[in-house]
Amino acid sequence: MKQLLVISLIILFSFLSNCATASAGIATSNIPIVDQKYSVIGPVEKSKHWFTIDFAFIGIPLSKPPVDTIIQEAINEKEADALINIRHWNDKIIILFVTINRFGINAEAVKFENDPKKK
């Protein structure tokens, strides 16, 4: 009976000691588009997650954060040239020694009327 109480308290403590954090931000575009004429193709919304193992102040990521990947996937999905009005967010959930990180973007995909690479 005493062992059951100890195990129950450990499980209860592990659920109560978890935490979650979040942050957000805004960017005008993923590339400079000054003096470029463009048309909006449509909205995009993407999110990805990755894991880290944390021991006190030491965090070991099991993969790279997918920031570049998620932006490129959003551009390719709409066959766009760039993203504008980017709203990005990041949150994480910590469960014992494992952290689940999530990164997401909401943006508008645009297509340039003249190819900026030809200038």
PDB file of N, CA and C in Angstrom:
ATOM      1  N   MET A   1       0.829  -1.194   0.000  1.00  0.00           N
ATOM      2  CA  MET A   1       0.000   0.000   0.000  1.00  0.00           C
ATOM      3  C   MET A   1       0.872   1.256   0.000  1.00  0.00           C
ATOM      4  N   LYS A   2       1.957   1.210   0.753  1.00  0.00           N
ATOM      5  CA  LYS A   2       2.858   2.349   0.828  1.00  0.00           C
ATOM      6  C   LYS A   2       3.537   2.590  -0.521  1.00  0.00           C
ATOM      7  N   GLN A   3       3.884   1.505  -1.225  1.00  0.00           N
ATOM      8  CA  GLN A   3       4.512   1.635  -2.536  1.00  0.00           C
ATOM      9  C   GLN A   3       3.535   2.248  -3.547  1.00  0.00           C
ATOM     10  N   LEU A   4       2.288   1.871  -3.469  1.00  0.00           N
ATOM     11  CA  LEU A   4       1.282   2.432  -4.356  1.00  0.00           C
ATOM     12  C   LEU A   4       1.122   3.932  -4.125  1.00  0.00           C
ATOM     13  N   LEU A   5       1.165   4.346  -2.882  1.00  0.00           N
ATOM     14  CA  LEU A   5       1.071   5.764  -2.551  1.00  0.00           C
ATOM     15  C   LEU A   5       2.271   6.537  -3.102  1.00  0.00           C
ATOM     16  N   VAL A   6       3.462   5.982  -2.948  1.00  0.00           N
ATOM     17  CA  VAL A   6       4.677   6.634  -3.448  1.00  0.00           C
ATOM     18  C   VAL A   6       4.630   6.741  -4.973  1.00  0.00           C
ATOM     19  N   ILE A   7       4.241   5.673  -5.639  1.00  0.00           N
ATOM     20  CA  ILE A   7       4.153   5.683  -7.101  1.00  0.00           C
ATOM     21  C   ILE A   7       3.092   6.685  -7.557  1.00  0.00           C
ATOM     22  N   SER A   8       1.971   6.726  -6.880  1.00  0.00           N
ATOM     23  CA  SER A   8       0.910   7.674  -7.221  1.00  0.00           C
ATOM     24  C   SER A   8       1.386   9.112  -7.059  1.00  0.00           C
ATOM     25  N   LEU A   9       2.120   9.384  -5.983  1.00  0.00           N
ATOM     26  CA  LEU A   9       2.645  10.733  -5.762  1.00  0.00           C
ATOM     27  C   LEU A   9       3.672  11.117  -6.825  1.00  0.00           C
ATOM     28  N   ILE A  10       4.502  10.185  -7.234  1.00  0.00           N
ATOM     29  CA  ILE A  10       5.493  10.448  -8.287  1.00  0.00           C
ATOM     30  C   ILE A  10       4.795  10.764  -9.601  1.00  0.00           C
ATOM     31  N   ILE A  11       3.792   9.987  -9.950  1.00  0.00           N
ATOM     32  CA  ILE A  11       3.045  10.228 -11.189  1.00  0.00           C
ATOM     33  C   ILE A  11       2.329  11.573 -11.120  1.00  0.00           C
ATOM     34  N   LEU A  12       1.683  11.855  -9.999  1.00  0.00           N
ATOM     35  CA  LEU A  12       0.990  13.127  -9.822  1.00  0.00           C
ATOM     36  C   LEU A  12       1.968  14.294  -9.917  1.00  0.00           C
ATOM     37  N   PHE A  13       3.114  14.181  -9.272  1.00  0.00           N
ATOM     38  CA  PHE A  13       4.122  15.240  -9.328  1.00  0.00           C
ATOM     39  C   PHE A  13       4.626  15.444 -10.750  1.00  0.00           C
ATOM     40  N   SER A  14       4.820  14.363 -11.512  1.00  0.00           N
ATOM     41  CA  SER A  14       5.330  14.499 -12.874  1.00  0.00           C
ATOM     42  C   SER A  14       4.324  15.226 -13.765  1.00  0.00           C
ATOM     43  N   PHE A  15       3.032  15.006 -13.560  1.00  0.00           N
ATOM     44  CA  PHE A  15       2.033  15.723 -14.344  1.00  0.00           C
ATOM     45  C   PHE A  15       1.912  17.179 -13.905  1.00  0.00           C
ATOM     46  N   LEU A  16       2.067  17.457 -12.646  1.00  0.00           N
ATOM     47  CA  LEU A  16       1.940  18.818 -12.150  1.00  0.00           C
ATOM     48  C   LEU A  16       3.187  19.654 -12.396  1.00  0.00           C
ATOM     49  N   SER A  17       4.323  19.011 -12.629  1.00  0.00           N
ATOM     50  CA  SER A  17       5.567  19.758 -12.800  1.00  0.00           C
ATOM     51  C   SER A  17       5.856  20.089 -14.261  1.00  0.00           C
ATOM     52  N   ASN A  18       5.016  19.688 -15.184  1.00  0.00           N
ATOM     53  CA  ASN A  18       5.220  19.994 -16.598  1.00  0.00           C
ATOM     54  C   ASN A  18       4.905  21.461 -16.846  1.00  0.00           C
ATOM     55  N   CYS A  19       5.453  22.015 -17.931  1.00  0.00           N
ATOM     56  CA  CYS A  19       5.155  23.402 -18.250  1.00  0.00           C
ATOM     57  C   CYS A  19       5.097  23.574 -19.760  1.00  0.00           C
ATOM     58  N   ALA A  20       4.551  24.690 -20.166  1.00  0.00           N
ATOM     59  CA  ALA A  20       4.462  25.038 -21.581  1.00  0.00           C
ATOM     60  C   ALA A  20       4.770  26.525 -21.724  1.00  0.00           C
ATOM     61  N   THR A  21       5.460  26.882 -22.808  1.00  0.00           N
ATOM     62  CA  THR A  21       5.757  28.281 -23.089  1.00  0.00           C
ATOM     63  C   THR A  21       5.450  28.561 -24.556  1.00  0.00           C
ATOM     64  N   ALA A  22       5.310  29.829 -24.891  1.00  0.00           N
ATOM     65  CA  ALA A  22       5.029  30.200 -26.273  1.00  0.00           C
ATOM     66  C   ALA A  22       5.583  31.592 -26.560  1.00  0.00           C
ATOM     67  N   SER A  23       5.875  31.848 -27.830  1.00  0.00           N
ATOM     68  CA  SER A  23       6.279  33.169 -28.283  1.00  0.00           C
ATOM     69  C   SER A  23       5.762  33.361 -29.701  1.00  0.00           C
ATOM     70  N   ALA A  24       5.719  34.614 -30.149  1.00  0.00           N
ATOM     71  CA  ALA A  24       5.214  34.901 -31.485  1.00  0.00           C
ATOM     72  C   ALA A  24       5.920  36.123 -32.045  1.00  0.00           C
ATOM     73  N   GLY A  25       5.793  36.326 -33.362  1.00  0.00           N
ATOM     74  CA  GLY A  25       6.411  37.475 -33.988  1.00  0.00           C
ATOM     75  C   GLY A  25       5.814  37.752 -35.353  1.00  0.00           C
ATOM     76  N   ILE A  26       6.230  38.859 -35.945  1.00  0.00           N
ATOM     77  CA  ILE A  26       5.731  39.282 -37.252  1.00  0.00           C
ATOM     78  C   ILE A  26       6.917  39.700 -38.111  1.00  0.00           C
ATOM     79  N   ALA A  27       6.858  39.353 -39.393  1.00  0.00           N
ATOM     80  CA  ALA A  27       7.861  39.803 -40.364  1.00  0.00           C
ATOM     81  C   ALA A  27       7.127  40.245 -41.626  1.00  0.00           C
ATOM     82  N   THR A  28       7.653  41.247 -42.302  1.00  0.00           N
ATOM     83  CA  THR A  28       6.972  41.741 -43.498  1.00  0.00           C
ATOM     84  C   THR A  28       7.098  40.783 -44.669  1.00  0.00           C
ATOM     85  N   SER A  29       8.273  40.159 -44.840  1.00  0.00           N
ATOM     86  CA  SER A  29       8.463  39.194 -45.920  1.00  0.00           C
ATOM     87  C   SER A  29       9.695  38.350 -45.637  1.00  0.00           C
ATOM     88  N   ASN A  30       9.834  37.261 -46.393  1.00  0.00           N
ATOM     89  CA  ASN A  30      11.005  36.415 -46.198  1.00  0.00           C
ATOM     90  C   ASN A  30      12.189  36.859 -47.048  1.00  0.00           C
ATOM     91  N   ILE A  31      11.961  37.723 -48.038  1.00  0.00           N
ATOM     92  CA  ILE A  31      13.033  38.311 -48.847  1.00  0.00           C
ATOM     93  C   ILE A  31      12.708  39.793 -49.052  1.00  0.00           C
ATOM     94  N   PRO A  32      13.698  40.622 -49.369  1.00  0.00           N
ATOM     95  CA  PRO A  32      13.402  42.031 -49.644  1.00  0.00           C
ATOM     96  C   PRO A  32      12.559  42.159 -50.919  1.00  0.00           C
ATOM     97  N   ILE A  33      11.452  42.893 -50.841  1.00  0.00           N
ATOM     98  CA  ILE A  33      10.603  43.057 -52.024  1.00  0.00           C
ATOM     99  C   ILE A  33      10.326  44.533 -52.314  1.00  0.00           C
ATOM    100  N   VAL A  34      11.268  45.386 -51.984  1.00  0.00           N
ATOM    101  CA  VAL A  34      11.121  46.823 -52.217  1.00  0.00           C
ATOM    102  C   VAL A  34      10.999  47.065 -53.729  1.00  0.00           C
ATOM    103  N   ASP A  35      10.032  47.868 -54.109  1.00  0.00           N
ATOM    104  CA  ASP A  35       9.797  48.248 -55.511  1.00  0.00           C
ATOM    105  C   ASP A  35       9.479  47.065 -56.426  1.00  0.00           C
ATOM    106  N   GLN A  36       9.075  45.963 -55.873  1.00  0.00           N
ATOM    107  CA  GLN A  36       8.672  44.816 -56.682  1.00  0.00           C
ATOM    108  C   GLN A  36       7.147  44.786 -56.770  1.00  0.00           C
ATOM    109  N   LYS A  37       6.624  44.598 -57.957  1.00  0.00           N
ATOM    110  CA  LYS A  37       5.182  44.443 -58.109  1.00  0.00           C
ATOM    111  C   LYS A  37       4.862  42.960 -57.994  1.00  0.00           C
ATOM    112  N   TYR A  38       3.818  42.673 -57.224  1.00  0.00           N
ATOM    113  CA  TYR A  38       3.456  41.278 -57.008  1.00  0.00           C
ATOM    114  C   TYR A  38       1.946  41.155 -56.884  1.00  0.00           C
ATOM    115  N   SER A  39       1.482  39.922 -57.024  1.00  0.00           N
ATOM    116  CA  SER A  39       0.065  39.633 -56.784  1.00  0.00           C
ATOM    117  C   SER A  39      -0.004  38.533 -55.724  1.00  0.00           C
ATOM    118  N   VAL A  40      -0.998  38.655 -54.860  1.00  0.00           N
ATOM    119  CA  VAL A  40      -1.170  37.690 -53.781  1.00  0.00           C
ATOM    120  C   VAL A  40      -1.848  36.441 -54.338  1.00  0.00           C
ATOM    121  N   ILE A  41      -1.233  35.287 -54.116  1.00  0.00           N
ATOM    122  CA  ILE A  41      -1.789  34.017 -54.575  1.00  0.00           C
ATOM    123  C   ILE A  41      -2.813  33.488 -53.577  1.00  0.00           C
ATOM    124  N   GLY A  42      -2.451  33.517 -52.299  1.00  0.00           N
ATOM    125  CA  GLY A  42      -3.360  33.035 -51.273  1.00  0.00           C
ATOM    126  C   GLY A  42      -2.642  32.832 -49.953  1.00  0.00           C
ATOM    127  N   PRO A  43      -3.406  32.529 -48.911  1.00  0.00           N
ATOM    128  CA  PRO A  43      -2.810  32.327 -47.589  1.00  0.00           C
ATOM    129  C   PRO A  43      -2.146  30.950 -47.461  1.00  0.00           C
ATOM    130  N   VAL A  44      -1.141  30.881 -46.614  1.00  0.00           N
ATOM    131  CA  VAL A  44      -0.502  29.604 -46.276  1.00  0.00           C
ATOM    132  C   VAL A  44      -0.416  29.494 -44.756  1.00  0.00           C
ATOM    133  N   GLU A  45      -0.521  28.282 -44.295  1.00  0.00           N
ATOM    134  CA  GLU A  45      -0.396  28.000 -42.865  1.00  0.00           C
ATOM    135  C   GLU A  45       0.336  26.676 -42.712  1.00  0.00           C
ATOM    136  N   LYS A  46       1.433  26.701 -41.997  1.00  0.00           N
ATOM    137  CA  LYS A  46       2.262  25.507 -41.812  1.00  0.00           C
ATOM    138  C   LYS A  46       2.751  25.439 -40.376  1.00  0.00           C
ATOM    139  N   SER A  47       2.962  24.227 -39.897  1.00  0.00           N
ATOM    140  CA  SER A  47       3.616  24.042 -38.598  1.00  0.00           C
ATOM    141  C   SER A  47       4.396  22.741 -38.611  1.00  0.00           C
ATOM    142  N   LYS A  48       5.462  22.716 -37.860  1.00  0.00           N
ATOM    143  CA  LYS A  48       6.324  21.526 -37.718  1.00  0.00           C
ATOM    144  C   LYS A  48       6.730  21.401 -36.261  1.00  0.00           C
ATOM    145  N   HIS A  49       7.132  20.215 -35.866  1.00  0.00           N
ATOM    146  CA  HIS A  49       7.603  20.030 -34.501  1.00  0.00           C
ATOM    147  C   HIS A  49       8.909  19.235 -34.496  1.00  0.00           C
ATOM    148  N   TRP A  50       9.645  19.367 -33.414  1.00  0.00           N
ATOM    149  CA  TRP A  50      10.877  18.606 -33.193  1.00  0.00           C
ATOM    150  C   TRP A  50      11.045  18.416 -31.696  1.00  0.00           C
ATOM    151  N   PHE A  51      11.906  17.487 -31.333  1.00  0.00           N
ATOM    152  CA  PHE A  51      12.082  17.111 -29.936  1.00  0.00           C
ATOM    153  C   PHE A  51      13.481  17.469 -29.444  1.00  0.00           C
ATOM    154  N   THR A  52      13.566  17.790 -28.166  1.00  0.00           N
ATOM    155  CA  THR A  52      14.857  17.948 -27.508  1.00  0.00           C
ATOM    156  C   THR A  52      14.811  17.190 -26.187  1.00  0.00           C
ATOM    157  N   ILE A  53      15.966  16.772 -25.755  1.00  0.00           N
ATOM    158  CA  ILE A  53      16.099  16.122 -24.447  1.00  0.00           C
ATOM    159  C   ILE A  53      16.788  17.131 -23.540  1.00  0.00           C
ATOM    160  N   ASP A  54      16.181  17.422 -22.391  1.00  0.00           N
ATOM    161  CA  ASP A  54      16.693  18.448 -21.491  1.00  0.00           C
ATOM    162  C   ASP A  54      17.078  17.851 -20.143  1.00  0.00           C
ATOM    163  N   PHE A  55      18.280  18.201 -19.707  1.00  0.00           N
ATOM    164  CA  PHE A  55      18.766  17.853 -18.379  1.00  0.00           C
ATOM    165  C   PHE A  55      19.174  19.152 -17.698  1.00  0.00           C
ATOM    166  N   ALA A  56      18.334  19.663 -16.829  1.00  0.00           N
ATOM    167  CA  ALA A  56      18.565  20.927 -16.130  1.00  0.00           C
ATOM    168  C   ALA A  56      18.784  22.043 -17.148  1.00  0.00           C
ATOM    169  N   PHE A  57      20.006  22.572 -17.273  1.00  0.00           N
ATOM    170  CA  PHE A  57      20.283  23.676 -18.185  1.00  0.00           C
ATOM    171  C   PHE A  57      20.834  23.218 -19.526  1.00  0.00           C
ATOM    172  N   ILE A  58      20.985  21.937 -19.716  1.00  0.00           N
ATOM    173  CA  ILE A  58      21.564  21.409 -20.949  1.00  0.00           C
ATOM    174  C   ILE A  58      20.450  20.814 -21.797  1.00  0.00           C
ATOM    175  N   GLY A  59      20.291  21.332 -23.015  1.00  0.00           N
ATOM    176  CA  GLY A  59      19.298  20.817 -23.948  1.00  0.00           C
ATOM    177  C   GLY A  59      19.988  20.217 -25.156  1.00  0.00           C
ATOM    178  N   ILE A  60      19.591  19.026 -25.528  1.00  0.00           N
ATOM    179  CA  ILE A  60      20.187  18.338 -26.671  1.00  0.00           C
ATOM    180  C   ILE A  60      19.098  18.165 -27.727  1.00  0.00           C
ATOM    181  N   PRO A  61      19.171  18.928 -28.837  1.00  0.00           N
ATOM    182  CA  PRO A  61      18.152  18.771 -29.879  1.00  0.00           C
ATOM    183  C   PRO A  61      18.359  17.461 -30.637  1.00  0.00           C
ATOM    184  N   LEU A  62      17.268  16.786 -30.954  1.00  0.00           N
ATOM    185  CA  LEU A  62      17.349  15.547 -31.713  1.00  0.00           C
ATOM    186  C   LEU A  62      17.304  15.813 -33.218  1.00  0.00           C
ATOM    187  N   SER A  63      16.977  17.044 -33.607  1.00  0.00           N
ATOM    188  CA  SER A  63      17.030  17.474 -35.002  1.00  0.00           C
ATOM    189  C   SER A  63      17.097  18.996 -35.031  1.00  0.00           C
ATOM    190  N   LYS A  64      17.366  19.550 -36.205  1.00  0.00           N
ATOM    191  CA  LYS A  64      17.439  21.003 -36.351  1.00  0.00           C
ATOM    192  C   LYS A  64      16.031  21.598 -36.331  1.00  0.00           C
ATOM    193  N   PRO A  65      15.881  22.807 -35.826  1.00  0.00           N
ATOM    194  CA  PRO A  65      14.584  23.481 -35.948  1.00  0.00           C
ATOM    195  C   PRO A  65      14.254  23.697 -37.433  1.00  0.00           C
ATOM    196  N   PRO A  66      13.041  23.395 -37.859  1.00  0.00           N
ATOM    197  CA  PRO A  66      12.701  23.396 -39.290  1.00  0.00           C
ATOM    198  C   PRO A  66      12.260  24.750 -39.846  1.00  0.00           C
ATOM    199  N   VAL A  67      12.892  25.833 -39.443  1.00  0.00           N
ATOM    200  CA  VAL A  67      12.460  27.166 -39.861  1.00  0.00           C
ATOM    201  C   VAL A  67      12.585  27.328 -41.379  1.00  0.00           C
ATOM    202  N   ASP A  68      13.759  27.085 -41.938  1.00  0.00           N
ATOM    203  CA  ASP A  68      13.946  27.228 -43.387  1.00  0.00           C
ATOM    204  C   ASP A  68      13.079  26.248 -44.164  1.00  0.00           C
ATOM    205  N   THR A  69      12.956  25.045 -43.648  1.00  0.00           N
ATOM    206  CA  THR A  69      12.162  24.013 -44.309  1.00  0.00           C
ATOM    207  C   THR A  69      10.701  24.420 -44.417  1.00  0.00           C
ATOM    208  N   ILE A  70      10.149  24.935 -43.337  1.00  0.00           N
ATOM    209  CA  ILE A  70       8.728  25.289 -43.322  1.00  0.00           C
ATOM    210  C   ILE A  70       8.439  26.452 -44.271  1.00  0.00           C
ATOM    211  N   ILE A  71       9.348  27.415 -44.366  1.00  0.00           N
ATOM    212  CA  ILE A  71       9.158  28.536 -45.293  1.00  0.00           C
ATOM    213  C   ILE A  71       9.250  28.053 -46.734  1.00  0.00           C
ATOM    214  N   GLN A  72      10.228  27.204 -47.022  1.00  0.00           N
ATOM    215  CA  GLN A  72      10.376  26.689 -48.390  1.00  0.00           C
ATOM    216  C   GLN A  72       9.187  25.818 -48.787  1.00  0.00           C
ATOM    217  N   GLU A  73       8.674  25.004 -47.864  1.00  0.00           N
ATOM    218  CA  GLU A  73       7.495  24.185 -48.155  1.00  0.00           C
ATOM    219  C   GLU A  73       6.276  25.057 -48.445  1.00  0.00           C
ATOM    220  N   ALA A  74       6.123  26.146 -47.702  1.00  0.00           N
ATOM    221  CA  ALA A  74       4.995  27.053 -47.928  1.00  0.00           C
ATOM    222  C   ALA A  74       5.099  27.714 -49.302  1.00  0.00           C
ATOM    223  N   ILE A  75       6.304  28.108 -49.695  1.00  0.00           N
ATOM    224  CA  ILE A  75       6.505  28.720 -51.014  1.00  0.00           C
ATOM    225  C   ILE A  75       6.238  27.701 -52.119  1.00  0.00           C
ATOM    226  N   ASN A  76       6.763  26.495 -51.963  1.00  0.00           N
ATOM    227  CA  ASN A  76       6.580  25.463 -52.984  1.00  0.00           C
ATOM    228  C   ASN A  76       5.125  25.016 -53.096  1.00  0.00           C
ATOM    229  N   GLU A  77       4.421  24.974 -51.982  1.00  0.00           N
ATOM    230  CA  GLU A  77       3.027  24.527 -51.984  1.00  0.00           C
ATOM    231  C   GLU A  77       2.151  25.408 -52.868  1.00  0.00           C
ATOM    232  N   LYS A  78       2.398  26.710 -52.855  1.00  0.00           N
ATOM    233  CA  LYS A  78       1.604  27.656 -53.645  1.00  0.00           C
ATOM    234  C   LYS A  78       2.297  28.061 -54.947  1.00  0.00           C
ATOM    235  N   GLU A  79       3.464  27.485 -55.220  1.00  0.00           N
ATOM    236  CA  GLU A  79       4.277  27.855 -56.384  1.00  0.00           C
ATOM    237  C   GLU A  79       4.492  29.367 -56.404  1.00  0.00           C
ATOM    238  N   ALA A  80       4.881  29.903 -55.270  1.00  0.00           N
ATOM    239  CA  ALA A  80       5.047  31.343 -55.085  1.00  0.00           C
ATOM    240  C   ALA A  80       6.515  31.737 -55.197  1.00  0.00           C
ATOM    241  N   ASP A  81       6.741  33.046 -55.234  1.00  0.00           N
ATOM    242  CA  ASP A  81       8.101  33.583 -55.241  1.00  0.00           C
ATOM    243  C   ASP A  81       8.542  34.005 -53.848  1.00  0.00           C
ATOM    244  N   ALA A  82       7.578  34.397 -52.995  1.00  0.00           N
ATOM    245  CA  ALA A  82       7.919  34.880 -51.658  1.00  0.00           C
ATOM    246  C   ALA A  82       6.698  34.793 -50.752  1.00  0.00           C
ATOM    247  N   LEU A  83       6.939  35.075 -49.467  1.00  0.00           N
ATOM    248  CA  LEU A  83       5.865  35.160 -48.477  1.00  0.00           C
ATOM    249  C   LEU A  83       5.862  36.572 -47.906  1.00  0.00           C
ATOM    250  N   ILE A  84       4.669  37.112 -47.682  1.00  0.00           N
ATOM    251  CA  ILE A  84       4.552  38.422 -47.048  1.00  0.00           C
ATOM    252  C   ILE A  84       3.623  38.310 -45.845  1.00  0.00           C
ATOM    253  N   ASN A  85       3.644  39.350 -45.012  1.00  0.00           N
ATOM    254  CA  ASN A  85       2.795  39.395 -43.811  1.00  0.00           C
ATOM    255  C   ASN A  85       2.923  38.110 -42.990  1.00  0.00           C
ATOM    256  N   ILE A  86       4.146  37.742 -42.705  1.00  0.00           N
ATOM    257  CA  ILE A  86       4.430  36.486 -42.009  1.00  0.00           C
ATOM    258  C   ILE A  86       4.195  36.664 -40.511  1.00  0.00           C
ATOM    259  N   ARG A  87       3.363  35.827 -39.966  1.00  0.00           N
ATOM    260  CA  ARG A  87       3.149  35.748 -38.525  1.00  0.00           C
ATOM    261  C   ARG A  87       3.674  34.391 -38.092  1.00  0.00           C
ATOM    262  N   HIS A  88       4.659  34.396 -37.221  1.00  0.00           N
ATOM    263  CA  HIS A  88       5.248  33.128 -36.793  1.00  0.00           C
ATOM    264  C   HIS A  88       5.079  32.958 -35.295  1.00  0.00           C
ATOM    265  N   TRP A  89       5.037  31.728 -34.869  1.00  0.00           N
ATOM    266  CA  TRP A  89       4.890  31.401 -33.451  1.00  0.00           C
ATOM    267  C   TRP A  89       5.703  30.165 -33.133  1.00  0.00           C
ATOM    268  N   ASN A  90       6.038  30.070 -31.880  1.00  0.00           N
ATOM    269  CA  ASN A  90       6.833  28.954 -31.381  1.00  0.00           C
ATOM    270  C   ASN A  90       6.292  28.599 -30.002  1.00  0.00           C
ATOM    271  N   ASP A  91       6.059  27.342 -29.764  1.00  0.00           N
ATOM    272  CA  ASP A  91       5.676  26.929 -28.417  1.00  0.00           C
ATOM    273  C   ASP A  91       6.382  25.637 -28.074  1.00  0.00           C
ATOM    274  N   LYS A  92       6.422  25.344 -26.799  1.00  0.00           N
ATOM    275  CA  LYS A  92       7.051  24.103 -26.367  1.00  0.00           C
ATOM    276  C   LYS A  92       6.341  23.556 -25.144  1.00  0.00           C
ATOM    277  N   ILE A  93       6.335  22.260 -25.077  1.00  0.00           N
ATOM    278  CA  ILE A  93       5.748  21.544 -23.952  1.00  0.00           C
ATOM    279  C   ILE A  93       6.844  20.664 -23.364  1.00  0.00           C
ATOM    280  N   ILE A  94       7.039  20.774 -22.066  1.00  0.00           N
ATOM    281  CA  ILE A  94       8.085  20.002 -21.394  1.00  0.00           C
ATOM    282  C   ILE A  94       7.423  18.912 -20.555  1.00  0.00           C
ATOM    283  N   ILE A  95       7.793  17.679 -20.840  1.00  0.00           N
ATOM    284  CA  ILE A  95       7.300  16.536 -20.087  1.00  0.00           C
ATOM    285  C   ILE A  95       8.518  15.761 -19.598  1.00  0.00           C
ATOM    286  N   LEU A  96       8.764  15.863 -18.308  1.00  0.00           N
ATOM    287  CA  LEU A  96       9.945  15.268 -17.675  1.00  0.00           C
ATOM    288  C   LEU A  96      11.204  15.745 -18.377  1.00  0.00           C
ATOM    289  N   PHE A  97      11.924  14.877 -19.090  1.00  0.00           N
ATOM    290  CA  PHE A  97      13.183  15.256 -19.723  1.00  0.00           C
ATOM    291  C   PHE A  97      13.038  15.516 -21.225  1.00  0.00           C
ATOM    292  N   VAL A  98      11.838  15.448 -21.756  1.00  0.00           N
ATOM    293  CA  VAL A  98      11.610  15.617 -23.192  1.00  0.00           C
ATOM    294  C   VAL A  98      10.850  16.916 -23.434  1.00  0.00           C
ATOM    295  N   THR A  99      11.322  17.701 -24.392  1.00  0.00           N
ATOM    296  CA  THR A  99      10.645  18.927 -24.783  1.00  0.00           C
ATOM    297  C   THR A  99      10.145  18.766 -26.212  1.00  0.00           C
ATOM    298  N   ILE A 100       8.863  19.047 -26.400  1.00  0.00           N
ATOM    299  CA  ILE A 100       8.267  19.031 -27.730  1.00  0.00           C
ATOM    300  C   ILE A 100       8.173  20.476 -28.184  1.00  0.00           C
ATOM    301  N   ASN A 101       8.941  20.830 -29.213  1.00  0.00           N
ATOM    302  CA  ASN A 101       8.968  22.185 -29.757  1.00  0.00           C
ATOM    303  C   ASN A 101       8.108  22.224 -31.014  1.00  0.00           C
ATOM    304  N   ARG A 102       7.360  23.304 -31.184  1.00  0.00           N
ATOM    305  CA  ARG A 102       6.550  23.483 -32.378  1.00  0.00           C
ATOM    306  C   ARG A 102       6.795  24.872 -32.938  1.00  0.00           C
ATOM    307  N   PHE A 103       6.933  24.963 -34.263  1.00  0.00           N
ATOM    308  CA  PHE A 103       7.114  26.238 -34.940  1.00  0.00           C
ATOM    309  C   PHE A 103       6.089  26.316 -36.053  1.00  0.00           C
ATOM    310  N   GLY A 104       5.426  27.453 -36.178  1.00  0.00           N
ATOM    311  CA  GLY A 104       4.410  27.588 -37.215  1.00  0.00           C
ATOM    312  C   GLY A 104       4.423  28.970 -37.836  1.00  0.00           C
ATOM    313  N   ILE A 105       3.901  29.042 -39.063  1.00  0.00           N
ATOM    314  CA  ILE A 105       3.773  30.327 -39.744  1.00  0.00           C
ATOM    315  C   ILE A 105       2.386  30.440 -40.368  1.00  0.00           C
ATOM    316  N   ASN A 106       1.910  31.661 -40.431  1.00  0.00           N
ATOM    317  CA  ASN A 106       0.740  32.046 -41.215  1.00  0.00           C
ATOM    318  C   ASN A 106       1.221  33.191 -42.086  1.00  0.00           C
ATOM    319  N   ALA A 107       0.975  33.128 -43.383  1.00  0.00           N
ATOM    320  CA  ALA A 107       1.483  34.161 -44.284  1.00  0.00           C
ATOM    321  C   ALA A 107       0.623  34.207 -45.544  1.00  0.00           C
ATOM    322  N   GLU A 108       0.986  35.126 -46.428  1.00  0.00           N
ATOM    323  CA  GLU A 108       0.363  35.219 -47.740  1.00  0.00           C
ATOM    324  C   GLU A 108       1.440  34.956 -48.783  1.00  0.00           C
ATOM    325  N   ALA A 109       1.143  34.046 -49.695  1.00  0.00           N
ATOM    326  CA  ALA A 109       2.072  33.723 -50.773  1.00  0.00           C
ATOM    327  C   ALA A 109       1.874  34.722 -51.911  1.00  0.00           C
ATOM    328  N   VAL A 110       2.987  35.177 -52.492  1.00  0.00           N
ATOM    329  CA  VAL A 110       2.910  36.142 -53.586  1.00  0.00           C
ATOM    330  C   VAL A 110       3.739  35.674 -54.777  1.00  0.00           C
ATOM    331  N   LYS A 111       3.328  36.141 -55.955  1.00  0.00           N
ATOM    332  CA  LYS A 111       4.043  35.870 -57.197  1.00  0.00           C
ATOM    333  C   LYS A 111       4.440  37.222 -57.780  1.00  0.00           C
ATOM    334  N   PHE A 112       5.719  37.385 -58.126  1.00  0.00           N
ATOM    335  CA  PHE A 112       6.186  38.641 -58.707  1.00  0.00           C
ATOM    336  C   PHE A 112       5.692  38.768 -60.145  1.00  0.00           C
ATOM    337  N   GLU A 113       5.321  39.983 -60.518  1.00  0.00           N
ATOM    338  CA  GLU A 113       4.859  40.219 -61.888  1.00  0.00           C
ATOM    339  C   GLU A 113       6.024  40.239 -62.846  1.00  0.00           C
ATOM    340  N   ASN A 114       7.195  40.682 -62.396  1.00  0.00           N
ATOM    341  CA  ASN A 114       8.423  40.590 -63.180  1.00  0.00           C
ATOM    342  C   ASN A 114       9.433  39.845 -62.319  1.00  0.00           C
ATOM    343  N   ASP A 115      10.192  38.975 -62.901  1.00  0.00           N
ATOM    344  CA  ASP A 115      11.130  38.128 -62.164  1.00  0.00           C
ATOM    345  C   ASP A 115      12.261  38.981 -61.594  1.00  0.00           C
ATOM    346  N   PRO A 116      12.373  39.073 -60.237  1.00  0.00           N
ATOM    347  CA  PRO A 116      13.425  39.924 -59.645  1.00  0.00           C
ATOM    348  C   PRO A 116      14.826  39.371 -59.865  1.00  0.00           C
ATOM    349  N   LYS A 117      14.951  38.131 -60.252  1.00  0.00           N
ATOM    350  CA  LYS A 117      16.272  37.533 -60.455  1.00  0.00           C
ATOM    351  C   LYS A 117      16.892  38.001 -61.777  1.00  0.00           C
ATOM    352  N   LYS A 118      16.065  38.532 -62.679  1.00  0.00           N
ATOM    353  CA  LYS A 118      16.573  38.988 -63.978  1.00  0.00           C
ATOM    354  C   LYS A 118      17.161  40.387 -63.922  1.00  0.00           C
ATOM    355  N   LYS A 119      16.923  41.102 -62.813  1.00  0.00           N
ATOM    356  CA  LYS A 119      17.444  42.463 -62.696  1.00  0.00           C
ATOM    357  C   LYS A 119      18.907  42.490 -62.405  1.00  0.00           C
TER     358      LYS A 119
END
